[in-house]
Amino acid sequence: MKNMTLERIAQVTEGKLFLPEGFEEAAKKEIDGAVNDNRKVEKDFLFIPMVGARVDGHDFIEGAFKDGALASLSERELENPVGPYILVKDTKLALKQIATAYRRELTIPVIGVIGSVGKTSTKEMITSVLSTKFKVLKTEGNFNNEIGLPLTICRIKAEHQVAVVEMGISDFGEMHRLGDIAKPDIVVMTNIGQCHLEFLKSRDGILKAKTEVFEHMPSNGLVILNGDDDKLIGADTLGLNKIFYGLNNGEVRATEVTPVGMEETKATITAFGETFDVTIPLPGSHNVMNALAATAVGRQLGLSIQEIAAGLSHAETISGRNNLIKIRDITIIDDCYNANPVSMKASIEVLGKAAGRTIAVLGDMGELGDDERALHYEIGQALEENHIGYVFTVGELSEEINKSLSNTNSSCMAHHYSALEDMLDDLLPIIRGGDTILVKASHFMNFSQVVEALKTRLA
């Protein structure tokens, strides 16, 4: 990590560097990376132990040195240290300070991906496009919070030419802190949905919280906005340049969007006066929107239409996010990583395109605030409109989905359960060849167990 010597790290963290006998020359040596997981330590890395509810990372400092760490942070003085360490008041704060200082040393463009829904899939699409020309560093998984983002910044190495980082928040002020660390040159905003209403109260509150990032962008920065989102179309970008993408509005648009079964989507994309046809190997109009955002980023970084089309045509899903799992002639749509009203309806739309019987296994959506029951109730309409055959719901809030279907005399065969195990007892025996099964809920519902049970039963 450029200029991030142990001396420099001690300075930016306001810490004290301790050098055991024989390590005096280490003070001027740069670290090669920084991690808070001792299992990810590599040669000349900085280990950042953190105190959690169950585990104290300080217990793994000695092991980190054995695995090749150059140094460690610590919130307490160490007796007989086996390598250099920097004493700091708070290792979590120190991580942010290190990432902030390191970001100032970087000259590559940093792209921040922000929004209520679709951040991870949009990040993956942008990365797929940019990788046709550049060596790209991207956020792994959803490492998008005040620990994950600085760890991602610390993973940027000399060979990387661009970084794509996901930035997620749940309350006011968080985006200021993330923006100060990442200082993105380009920001992509996917939408203003109904996530984190428990803290941000309204979509206007969500807009206000997410646009805090604009204050941390350079004067020549660019904001790429979803032009089909009623909140983003009028967003104040504080004088920053902005462009829009969308199915209905924007400099980057898609027409002739056509689903090809459940695995692909064809579209014609027009970007700044140039038009090309593409087959995206993912289902749903929401993935076309992701492709438009990636197209806009690609053009801004000088990619040709041919390079962009190649990147879009090789886009992939990741586990838990609209990932199609084929077992003989049965399809599982693994979308159980997280859920909110917008993404839930989008996944149901994808399920509705299936040729055979359709089964939706749905659980509670979290952090929706005072309207949480009404927002669950609305999901029933999406199920009815997409002619879903069977609906299995689990959780207190998801009972509202079942009520909605019952009150409208829906043709959906709806069943509700309080316990996941009871639902699986009824679901697994009815599955037959040709079925398509959507599994979706917020992460805390542990619906990955449903996916694993299905895979085990069908194997």
Protein backbone atom coordinates (compact mmCIF):
# COMPACT_ATOMS: atom_id res chain seq x y z
CA MET A 1 0.00 0.00 0.00
CA LYS A 2 1.70 3.14 -1.29
CA ASN A 3 3.31 5.28 1.44
CA MET A 4 1.54 3.33 4.19
CA THR A 5 4.57 2.59 6.32
CA LEU A 6 4.22 1.65 9.96
CA GLU A 7 5.41 5.13 10.89
CA ARG A 8 2.75 6.69 8.65
CA ILE A 9 0.03 4.41 10.01
CA ALA A 10 0.95 5.34 13.59
CA GLN A 11 0.69 8.98 12.58
CA VAL A 12 -2.72 8.80 10.86
CA THR A 13 -4.21 6.70 13.65
CA GLU A 14 -2.72 8.87 16.41
CA GLY A 15 -1.21 5.67 17.77
CA LYS A 16 2.11 4.63 19.24
CA LEU A 17 4.41 2.29 17.34
CA PHE A 18 6.16 -0.41 19.35
CA LEU A 19 9.15 -2.13 17.73
CA PRO A 20 10.51 -5.21 19.56
CA GLU A 21 14.23 -5.81 19.46
CA GLY A 22 15.32 -6.82 15.98
CA PHE A 23 12.42 -5.07 14.23
CA GLU A 24 13.77 -1.51 14.26
CA GLU A 25 13.94 -1.22 10.46
CA ALA A 26 10.27 -2.25 10.07
CA ALA A 27 9.12 1.29 10.89
CA LYS A 28 9.76 2.50 7.34
CA LYS A 29 8.36 -0.57 5.60
CA GLU A 30 5.03 -0.38 3.73
CA ILE A 31 2.26 -2.84 4.48
CA ASP A 32 0.91 -4.90 1.56
CA GLY A 33 -2.66 -4.97 2.84
CA ALA A 34 -4.88 -4.75 5.91
CA VAL A 35 -7.41 -7.28 7.21
CA ASN A 36 -9.47 -7.82 10.34
CA ASP A 37 -9.75 -11.58 9.82
CA ASN A 38 -6.66 -13.51 10.90
CA ARG A 39 -7.51 -16.23 8.35
CA LYS A 40 -6.90 -13.73 5.55
CA VAL A 41 -3.49 -12.54 6.71
CA GLU A 42 -0.79 -12.61 4.04
CA LYS A 43 2.89 -11.72 4.05
CA ASP A 44 3.55 -8.13 5.22
CA PHE A 45 -0.13 -7.44 5.95
CA LEU A 46 -1.37 -5.33 8.84
CA PHE A 47 -3.68 -7.27 11.16
CA ILE A 48 -6.50 -5.22 12.68
CA PRO A 49 -7.99 -7.07 15.67
CA MET A 50 -11.53 -6.08 16.61
CA VAL A 51 -13.48 -6.81 19.76
CA GLY A 52 -16.81 -8.45 18.92
CA ALA A 53 -19.71 -9.77 20.95
CA ARG A 54 -18.26 -13.29 20.96
CA VAL A 55 -14.67 -13.05 19.75
CA ASP A 56 -11.78 -10.76 20.65
CA GLY A 57 -9.46 -10.39 17.68
CA HIS A 58 -6.56 -9.61 20.03
CA ASP A 59 -6.45 -13.33 20.81
CA PHE A 60 -5.24 -13.96 17.26
CA ILE A 61 -2.41 -11.42 17.06
CA GLU A 62 0.37 -13.93 17.69
CA GLY A 63 -1.08 -16.26 15.06
CA ALA A 64 -1.24 -13.38 12.56
CA PHE A 65 2.50 -12.85 12.95
CA LYS A 66 3.09 -16.56 12.37
CA ASP A 67 1.12 -16.22 9.11
CA GLY A 68 3.41 -13.44 7.91
CA ALA A 69 1.88 -10.20 9.20
CA LEU A 70 4.27 -7.26 9.22
CA ALA A 71 2.49 -5.65 12.15
CA SER A 72 -0.71 -5.52 14.16
CA LEU A 73 -2.88 -2.87 15.72
CA SER A 74 -3.90 -3.28 19.34
CA GLU A 75 -6.16 -1.50 21.80
CA ARG A 76 -3.95 -2.56 24.70
CA GLU A 77 -0.26 -2.91 25.37
CA LEU A 78 1.11 -6.34 24.54
CA GLU A 79 3.43 -8.32 26.77
CA ASN A 80 6.39 -9.83 24.92
CA PRO A 81 5.10 -8.99 21.42
CA VAL A 82 6.48 -11.21 18.66
CA GLY A 83 6.39 -8.39 16.11
CA PRO A 84 5.73 -4.66 15.66
CA TYR A 85 2.38 -3.30 16.80
CA ILE A 86 0.65 0.06 16.95
CA LEU A 87 -1.28 0.92 20.08
CA VAL A 88 -4.54 2.75 19.24
CA LYS A 89 -7.64 3.72 21.18
CA ASP A 90 -10.09 2.06 18.79
CA THR A 91 -9.14 -0.40 16.06
CA LYS A 92 -12.39 0.15 14.11
CA LEU A 93 -11.72 3.89 13.98
CA ALA A 94 -8.08 3.22 13.10
CA LEU A 95 -9.17 1.12 10.11
CA LYS A 96 -11.19 4.05 8.76
CA GLN A 97 -8.27 6.43 9.33
CA ILE A 98 -5.89 4.11 7.47
CA ALA A 99 -8.27 3.68 4.50
CA THR A 100 -8.91 7.43 4.34
CA ALA A 101 -5.19 8.18 4.24
CA TYR A 102 -4.53 5.46 1.68
CA ARG A 103 -7.34 6.70 -0.58
CA ARG A 104 -5.51 10.05 -0.82
CA GLU A 105 -2.50 8.21 -2.27
CA LEU A 106 -4.53 6.60 -5.05
CA THR A 107 -4.90 8.06 -8.53
CA ILE A 108 -7.22 5.46 -10.06
CA PRO A 109 -10.92 6.28 -10.53
CA VAL A 110 -13.18 5.04 -7.74
CA ILE A 111 -16.82 4.31 -8.58
CA GLY A 112 -19.32 4.27 -5.73
CA VAL A 113 -22.54 2.28 -6.15
CA ILE A 114 -25.39 3.50 -3.97
CA GLY A 115 -29.12 2.80 -3.78
CA SER A 116 -31.94 1.08 -1.94
CA VAL A 117 -32.07 -1.92 -4.24
CA GLY A 118 -29.65 -3.56 -6.65
CA LYS A 119 -26.31 -2.22 -5.40
CA THR A 120 -24.54 -5.57 -5.46
CA SER A 121 -25.91 -6.74 -8.82
CA THR A 122 -25.16 -3.32 -10.36
CA LYS A 123 -21.62 -3.44 -8.95
CA GLU A 124 -21.15 -6.86 -10.50
CA MET A 125 -22.48 -5.65 -13.87
CA ILE A 126 -20.22 -2.58 -13.86
CA THR A 127 -17.25 -4.78 -12.98
CA SER A 128 -18.07 -7.20 -15.79
CA VAL A 129 -18.08 -4.32 -18.29
CA LEU A 130 -14.96 -2.55 -17.03
CA SER A 131 -13.02 -5.83 -16.82
CA THR A 132 -13.00 -6.03 -20.61
CA LYS A 133 -10.43 -3.22 -20.56
CA PHE A 134 -9.15 -2.66 -17.01
CA LYS A 135 -7.84 -4.53 -14.01
CA VAL A 136 -10.74 -3.93 -11.59
CA LEU A 137 -10.95 -4.13 -7.80
CA LYS A 138 -14.52 -4.61 -6.60
CA THR A 139 -16.26 -4.93 -3.26
CA GLU A 140 -16.44 -8.60 -2.31
CA GLY A 141 -19.93 -9.73 -1.38
CA ASN A 142 -21.63 -6.82 0.31
CA PHE A 143 -18.69 -5.39 2.27
CA ASN A 144 -20.33 -1.99 2.01
CA ASN A 145 -20.52 -0.58 5.54
CA GLU A 146 -18.14 1.32 7.80
CA ILE A 147 -15.94 -1.74 8.21
CA GLY A 148 -16.40 -3.38 4.82
CA LEU A 149 -15.75 -0.27 2.74
CA PRO A 150 -12.38 0.65 4.32
CA LEU A 151 -11.28 -2.99 4.12
CA THR A 152 -12.13 -2.88 0.40
CA ILE A 153 -10.11 0.32 -0.10
CA CYS A 154 -7.17 -1.38 1.61
CA ARG A 155 -7.35 -4.21 -0.95
CA ILE A 156 -6.48 -1.88 -3.85
CA LYS A 157 -3.03 -2.72 -5.18
CA ALA A 158 -0.65 -1.16 -7.69
CA GLU A 159 -1.95 -3.29 -10.57
CA HIS A 160 -5.54 -2.12 -10.19
CA GLN A 161 -6.71 0.49 -12.69
CA VAL A 162 -10.19 1.18 -11.32
CA ALA A 163 -12.16 0.34 -8.18
CA VAL A 164 -15.91 -0.32 -7.91
CA VAL A 165 -17.12 -0.03 -4.32
CA GLU A 166 -20.55 -0.62 -2.87
CA MET A 167 -21.72 1.89 -0.25
CA GLY A 168 -24.62 0.92 2.04
CA ILE A 169 -26.22 2.83 4.90
CA SER A 170 -29.17 2.61 7.27
CA ASP A 171 -29.14 6.01 9.01
CA PHE A 172 -28.27 9.67 8.55
CA GLY A 173 -24.59 10.59 8.73
CA GLU A 174 -23.30 7.18 7.64
CA MET A 175 -22.91 8.24 4.01
CA HIS A 176 -20.87 11.25 5.11
CA ARG A 177 -18.45 8.87 6.81
CA LEU A 178 -18.36 6.44 3.88
CA GLY A 179 -18.00 9.27 1.38
CA ASP A 180 -15.09 10.74 3.32
CA ILE A 181 -13.31 7.38 3.07
CA ALA A 182 -14.06 6.49 -0.57
CA LYS A 183 -14.17 9.97 -2.14
CA PRO A 184 -15.73 8.48 -5.30
CA ASP A 185 -15.04 10.07 -8.67
CA ILE A 186 -18.24 8.58 -10.11
CA VAL A 187 -21.39 7.71 -8.16
CA VAL A 188 -24.10 5.43 -9.54
CA MET A 189 -27.48 5.70 -7.79
CA THR A 190 -29.79 2.79 -8.57
CA ASN A 191 -33.02 3.97 -6.90
CA ILE A 192 -34.67 5.35 -3.79
CA GLY A 193 -36.79 2.53 -2.43
CA GLN A 194 -38.29 1.54 0.90
CA CYS A 195 -35.32 0.08 2.76
CA HIS A 196 -34.32 1.24 6.24
CA LEU A 197 -37.57 3.15 6.76
CA GLU A 198 -37.25 2.21 10.42
CA PHE A 199 -34.49 4.82 10.70
CA LEU A 200 -34.86 7.11 7.67
CA LYS A 201 -38.69 7.31 7.96
CA SER A 202 -39.55 8.14 4.34
CA ARG A 203 -38.23 7.96 0.79
CA ASP A 204 -37.35 11.65 1.09
CA GLY A 205 -35.30 10.75 4.15
CA ILE A 206 -33.58 7.98 2.22
CA LEU A 207 -32.79 10.40 -0.61
CA LYS A 208 -31.36 12.94 1.80
CA ALA A 209 -29.18 10.33 3.54
CA LYS A 210 -27.81 8.77 0.36
CA THR A 211 -27.03 12.07 -1.36
CA GLU A 212 -24.74 13.05 1.50
CA VAL A 213 -22.05 11.44 -0.66
CA PHE A 214 -22.09 14.36 -3.11
CA GLU A 215 -20.28 16.53 -0.57
CA HIS A 216 -17.29 14.19 -0.73
CA MET A 217 -16.85 14.03 -4.50
CA PRO A 218 -14.35 16.10 -6.53
CA SER A 219 -15.68 19.15 -8.37
CA ASN A 220 -15.31 17.30 -11.68
CA GLY A 221 -17.09 14.21 -10.35
CA LEU A 222 -19.99 12.58 -12.16
CA VAL A 223 -23.30 11.30 -10.82
CA ILE A 224 -25.13 8.61 -12.84
CA LEU A 225 -28.80 8.43 -11.83
CA ASN A 226 -31.77 6.18 -12.52
CA GLY A 227 -33.95 8.47 -14.62
CA ASP A 228 -37.02 6.30 -14.03
CA ASP A 229 -36.94 6.93 -10.27
CA ASP A 230 -39.26 9.78 -9.30
CA LYS A 231 -36.96 10.92 -6.49
CA LEU A 232 -33.68 10.74 -8.40
CA ILE A 233 -34.94 12.53 -11.52
CA GLY A 234 -35.05 15.76 -9.53
CA ALA A 235 -32.13 15.13 -7.16
CA ASP A 236 -29.87 18.07 -6.32
CA THR A 237 -26.32 16.97 -7.14
CA LEU A 238 -24.72 20.13 -5.68
CA GLY A 239 -23.55 21.30 -9.09
CA LEU A 240 -21.88 18.01 -10.02
CA ASN A 241 -22.28 16.77 -13.58
CA LYS A 242 -25.04 14.19 -13.93
CA ILE A 243 -26.45 11.86 -16.54
CA PHE A 244 -29.50 9.62 -16.44
CA TYR A 245 -30.24 6.07 -17.52
CA GLY A 246 -33.53 4.23 -17.73
CA LEU A 247 -36.18 2.44 -19.73
CA ASN A 248 -38.10 5.69 -20.09
CA ASN A 249 -35.70 8.57 -19.41
CA GLY A 250 -32.03 9.32 -19.88
CA GLU A 251 -29.04 9.57 -22.15
CA VAL A 252 -28.64 5.79 -21.80
CA ARG A 253 -31.84 3.89 -22.58
CA ALA A 254 -33.11 0.45 -23.50
CA THR A 255 -35.87 -0.52 -25.91
CA GLU A 256 -37.25 -3.81 -27.19
CA VAL A 257 -36.62 -5.50 -23.85
CA THR A 258 -37.54 -9.15 -24.39
CA PRO A 259 -37.23 -12.02 -21.91
CA VAL A 260 -35.69 -15.21 -23.28
CA GLY A 261 -37.04 -17.85 -20.95
CA MET A 262 -35.87 -17.37 -17.40
CA GLU A 263 -32.17 -17.14 -18.09
CA GLU A 264 -31.64 -14.29 -20.55
CA THR A 265 -32.97 -10.91 -21.58
CA LYS A 266 -32.53 -9.26 -24.95
CA ALA A 267 -32.48 -5.49 -25.33
CA THR A 268 -31.47 -2.70 -27.65
CA ILE A 269 -29.37 -0.10 -25.81
CA THR A 270 -28.84 3.47 -26.96
CA ALA A 271 -26.00 5.34 -25.27
CA PHE A 272 -25.14 8.92 -26.19
CA GLY A 273 -26.36 8.46 -29.77
CA GLU A 274 -24.88 4.98 -30.36
CA THR A 275 -27.09 1.88 -30.49
CA PHE A 276 -26.31 -1.81 -30.02
CA ASP A 277 -28.15 -5.05 -29.39
CA VAL A 278 -27.21 -7.25 -26.46
CA THR A 279 -28.30 -10.47 -24.79
CA ILE A 280 -27.85 -10.22 -21.04
CA PRO A 281 -27.49 -13.68 -19.45
CA LEU A 282 -29.78 -12.71 -16.57
CA PRO A 283 -33.57 -12.49 -16.22
CA GLY A 284 -35.72 -9.45 -15.47
CA SER A 285 -36.04 -5.82 -16.47
CA HIS A 286 -34.17 -4.84 -13.31
CA ASN A 287 -31.06 -6.46 -14.78
CA VAL A 288 -31.53 -4.38 -17.93
CA MET A 289 -31.45 -1.31 -15.67
CA ASN A 290 -28.21 -2.59 -14.15
CA ALA A 291 -26.83 -3.02 -17.65
CA LEU A 292 -27.74 0.58 -18.51
CA ALA A 293 -25.88 1.85 -15.45
CA ALA A 294 -22.84 -0.24 -16.42
CA THR A 295 -23.04 1.09 -19.97
CA ALA A 296 -23.03 4.67 -18.70
CA VAL A 297 -19.96 4.00 -16.54
CA GLY A 298 -18.18 2.20 -19.37
CA ARG A 299 -18.67 5.07 -21.80
CA GLN A 300 -17.42 7.59 -19.23
CA LEU A 301 -14.23 5.58 -18.81
CA GLY A 302 -13.62 5.33 -22.54
CA LEU A 303 -14.84 1.84 -23.37
CA SER A 304 -16.09 1.15 -26.88
CA ILE A 305 -19.61 -0.09 -27.55
CA GLN A 306 -18.11 -3.45 -28.49
CA GLU A 307 -16.27 -3.72 -25.16
CA ILE A 308 -19.41 -2.78 -23.24
CA ALA A 309 -21.55 -5.30 -25.12
CA ALA A 310 -18.98 -8.02 -24.42
CA GLY A 311 -18.98 -7.22 -20.71
CA LEU A 312 -22.77 -7.24 -20.50
CA SER A 313 -23.02 -10.56 -22.32
CA HIS A 314 -20.75 -12.21 -19.75
CA ALA A 315 -22.37 -10.84 -16.59
CA GLU A 316 -22.94 -13.34 -13.80
CA THR A 317 -25.07 -13.62 -10.68
CA ILE A 318 -23.75 -14.40 -7.22
CA SER A 319 -25.11 -16.76 -4.60
CA GLY A 320 -28.27 -15.54 -2.90
CA ARG A 321 -29.11 -12.90 -5.52
CA ASN A 322 -31.38 -14.15 -8.28
CA ASN A 323 -29.02 -17.07 -8.76
CA LEU A 324 -30.59 -19.80 -10.90
CA ILE A 325 -29.84 -23.32 -9.68
CA LYS A 326 -30.78 -26.12 -12.09
CA ILE A 327 -31.34 -29.60 -10.70
CA ARG A 328 -32.54 -31.89 -13.47
CA ASP A 329 -35.68 -30.16 -14.80
CA ILE A 330 -36.34 -28.17 -11.62
CA THR A 331 -35.17 -24.56 -11.19
CA ILE A 332 -34.48 -22.83 -7.87
CA ILE A 333 -34.23 -19.04 -7.88
CA ASP A 334 -31.88 -18.45 -4.97
CA ASP A 335 -32.61 -14.84 -3.98
CA CYS A 336 -32.47 -15.25 -0.23
CA TYR A 337 -29.67 -12.86 0.68
CA ASN A 338 -31.97 -9.92 1.35
CA ALA A 339 -35.37 -8.50 0.51
CA ASN A 340 -37.38 -5.29 0.32
CA PRO A 341 -40.65 -4.49 -1.47
CA VAL A 342 -39.02 -3.48 -4.76
CA SER A 343 -36.69 -6.46 -5.02
CA MET A 344 -39.42 -8.85 -3.86
CA LYS A 345 -41.74 -7.71 -6.67
CA ALA A 346 -38.91 -7.89 -9.22
CA SER A 347 -38.14 -11.49 -8.23
CA ILE A 348 -41.81 -12.44 -8.42
CA GLU A 349 -41.89 -10.95 -11.93
CA VAL A 350 -38.98 -13.20 -12.90
CA LEU A 351 -40.73 -16.24 -11.38
CA GLY A 352 -43.85 -15.41 -13.38
CA LYS A 353 -41.91 -15.98 -16.62
CA ALA A 354 -41.38 -19.68 -15.83
CA ALA A 355 -43.00 -22.21 -18.13
CA GLY A 356 -44.07 -24.81 -15.55
CA ARG A 357 -45.58 -24.65 -12.08
CA THR A 358 -44.41 -21.69 -10.02
CA ILE A 359 -43.79 -21.77 -6.27
CA ALA A 360 -42.87 -18.71 -4.20
CA VAL A 361 -41.27 -19.32 -0.79
CA LEU A 362 -41.26 -15.92 0.91
CA GLY A 363 -40.24 -14.60 4.32
CA ASP A 364 -40.27 -11.36 6.27
CA MET A 365 -38.67 -8.17 4.96
CA GLY A 366 -36.86 -6.14 7.64
CA GLU A 367 -36.38 -2.46 8.54
CA LEU A 368 -39.55 -1.19 6.85
CA GLY A 369 -40.73 1.02 9.71
CA ASP A 370 -44.32 1.82 10.61
CA ASP A 371 -45.72 0.66 7.25
CA GLU A 372 -44.12 -2.78 7.40
CA ARG A 373 -47.41 -4.70 7.47
CA ALA A 374 -48.93 -2.73 4.61
CA LEU A 375 -45.78 -3.18 2.52
CA HIS A 376 -45.96 -6.95 3.03
CA TYR A 377 -49.68 -6.94 2.20
CA GLU A 378 -48.91 -5.33 -1.18
CA ILE A 379 -46.79 -8.32 -2.20
CA GLY A 380 -49.97 -10.33 -2.59
CA GLN A 381 -50.99 -8.22 -5.57
CA ALA A 382 -47.65 -8.92 -7.32
CA LEU A 383 -48.14 -12.64 -6.78
CA GLU A 384 -51.63 -12.49 -8.26
CA GLU A 385 -50.61 -10.34 -11.23
CA ASN A 386 -47.82 -12.78 -12.12
CA HIS A 387 -50.09 -15.81 -11.74
CA ILE A 388 -47.92 -17.58 -9.18
CA GLY A 389 -49.32 -21.05 -8.49
CA TYR A 390 -48.18 -21.80 -4.93
CA VAL A 391 -47.12 -19.45 -2.14
CA PHE A 392 -45.43 -20.56 1.08
CA THR A 393 -44.83 -17.75 3.60
CA VAL A 394 -42.93 -17.84 6.88
CA GLY A 395 -42.80 -15.18 9.60
CA GLU A 396 -45.06 -12.81 11.47
CA LEU A 397 -44.99 -10.06 8.85
CA SER A 398 -45.28 -12.40 5.88
CA GLU A 399 -48.66 -13.50 7.19
CA GLU A 400 -49.88 -10.24 5.65
CA ILE A 401 -49.01 -11.65 2.20
CA ASN A 402 -51.22 -14.63 2.92
CA LYS A 403 -54.04 -12.36 4.15
CA SER A 404 -53.83 -10.29 0.98
CA LEU A 405 -54.27 -13.36 -1.20
CA SER A 406 -57.14 -14.65 0.92
CA ASN A 407 -58.99 -11.31 0.91
CA THR A 408 -58.87 -11.08 -2.88
CA ASN A 409 -59.94 -14.69 -3.46
CA SER A 410 -56.68 -15.23 -5.31
CA SER A 411 -56.10 -18.32 -7.41
CA CYS A 412 -52.72 -18.74 -5.69
CA MET A 413 -52.55 -21.74 -3.34
CA ALA A 414 -51.28 -19.90 -0.25
CA HIS A 415 -49.93 -21.43 2.96
CA HIS A 416 -48.48 -19.63 5.99
CA TYR A 417 -46.18 -20.93 8.73
CA SER A 418 -44.60 -19.63 11.89
CA ALA A 419 -41.63 -22.00 11.69
CA LEU A 420 -39.30 -22.70 8.79
CA GLU A 421 -39.15 -26.41 9.61
CA ASP A 422 -42.95 -26.79 9.41
CA MET A 423 -43.00 -25.05 6.05
CA LEU A 424 -40.30 -27.35 4.66
CA ASP A 425 -42.26 -30.41 5.83
CA ASP A 426 -45.13 -29.34 3.57
CA LEU A 427 -43.12 -27.85 0.70
CA LEU A 428 -40.63 -30.60 -0.09
CA PRO A 429 -43.14 -33.42 -0.79
CA ILE A 430 -45.11 -31.45 -3.40
CA ILE A 431 -42.19 -30.54 -5.68
CA ARG A 432 -42.22 -32.24 -9.06
CA GLY A 433 -40.47 -32.07 -12.40
CA GLY A 434 -40.74 -28.78 -14.26
CA ASP A 435 -41.29 -26.67 -11.13
CA THR A 436 -39.62 -23.30 -10.60
CA ILE A 437 -39.18 -22.24 -6.97
CA LEU A 438 -38.36 -18.72 -5.79
CA VAL A 439 -36.74 -18.45 -2.35
CA LYS A 440 -36.64 -14.88 -1.01
CA ALA A 441 -36.57 -13.11 2.37
CA SER A 442 -34.44 -10.74 4.37
CA HIS A 443 -31.14 -12.19 5.55
CA PHE A 444 -32.19 -12.59 9.19
CA MET A 445 -34.83 -15.17 8.13
CA ASN A 446 -32.04 -17.65 7.29
CA PHE A 447 -33.70 -18.75 4.06
CA SER A 448 -30.39 -20.13 2.83
CA GLN A 449 -31.55 -23.19 4.80
CA VAL A 450 -34.47 -23.49 2.39
CA VAL A 451 -32.14 -23.46 -0.61
CA GLU A 452 -29.90 -26.11 0.96
CA ALA A 453 -32.91 -28.28 1.89
CA LEU A 454 -34.18 -28.09 -1.69
CA LYS A 455 -30.77 -28.95 -3.13
CA THR A 456 -30.42 -31.90 -0.76
CA ARG A 457 -33.93 -33.20 -1.48
CA LEU A 458 -33.58 -32.87 -5.24
CA ALA A 459 -30.00 -34.15 -5.58
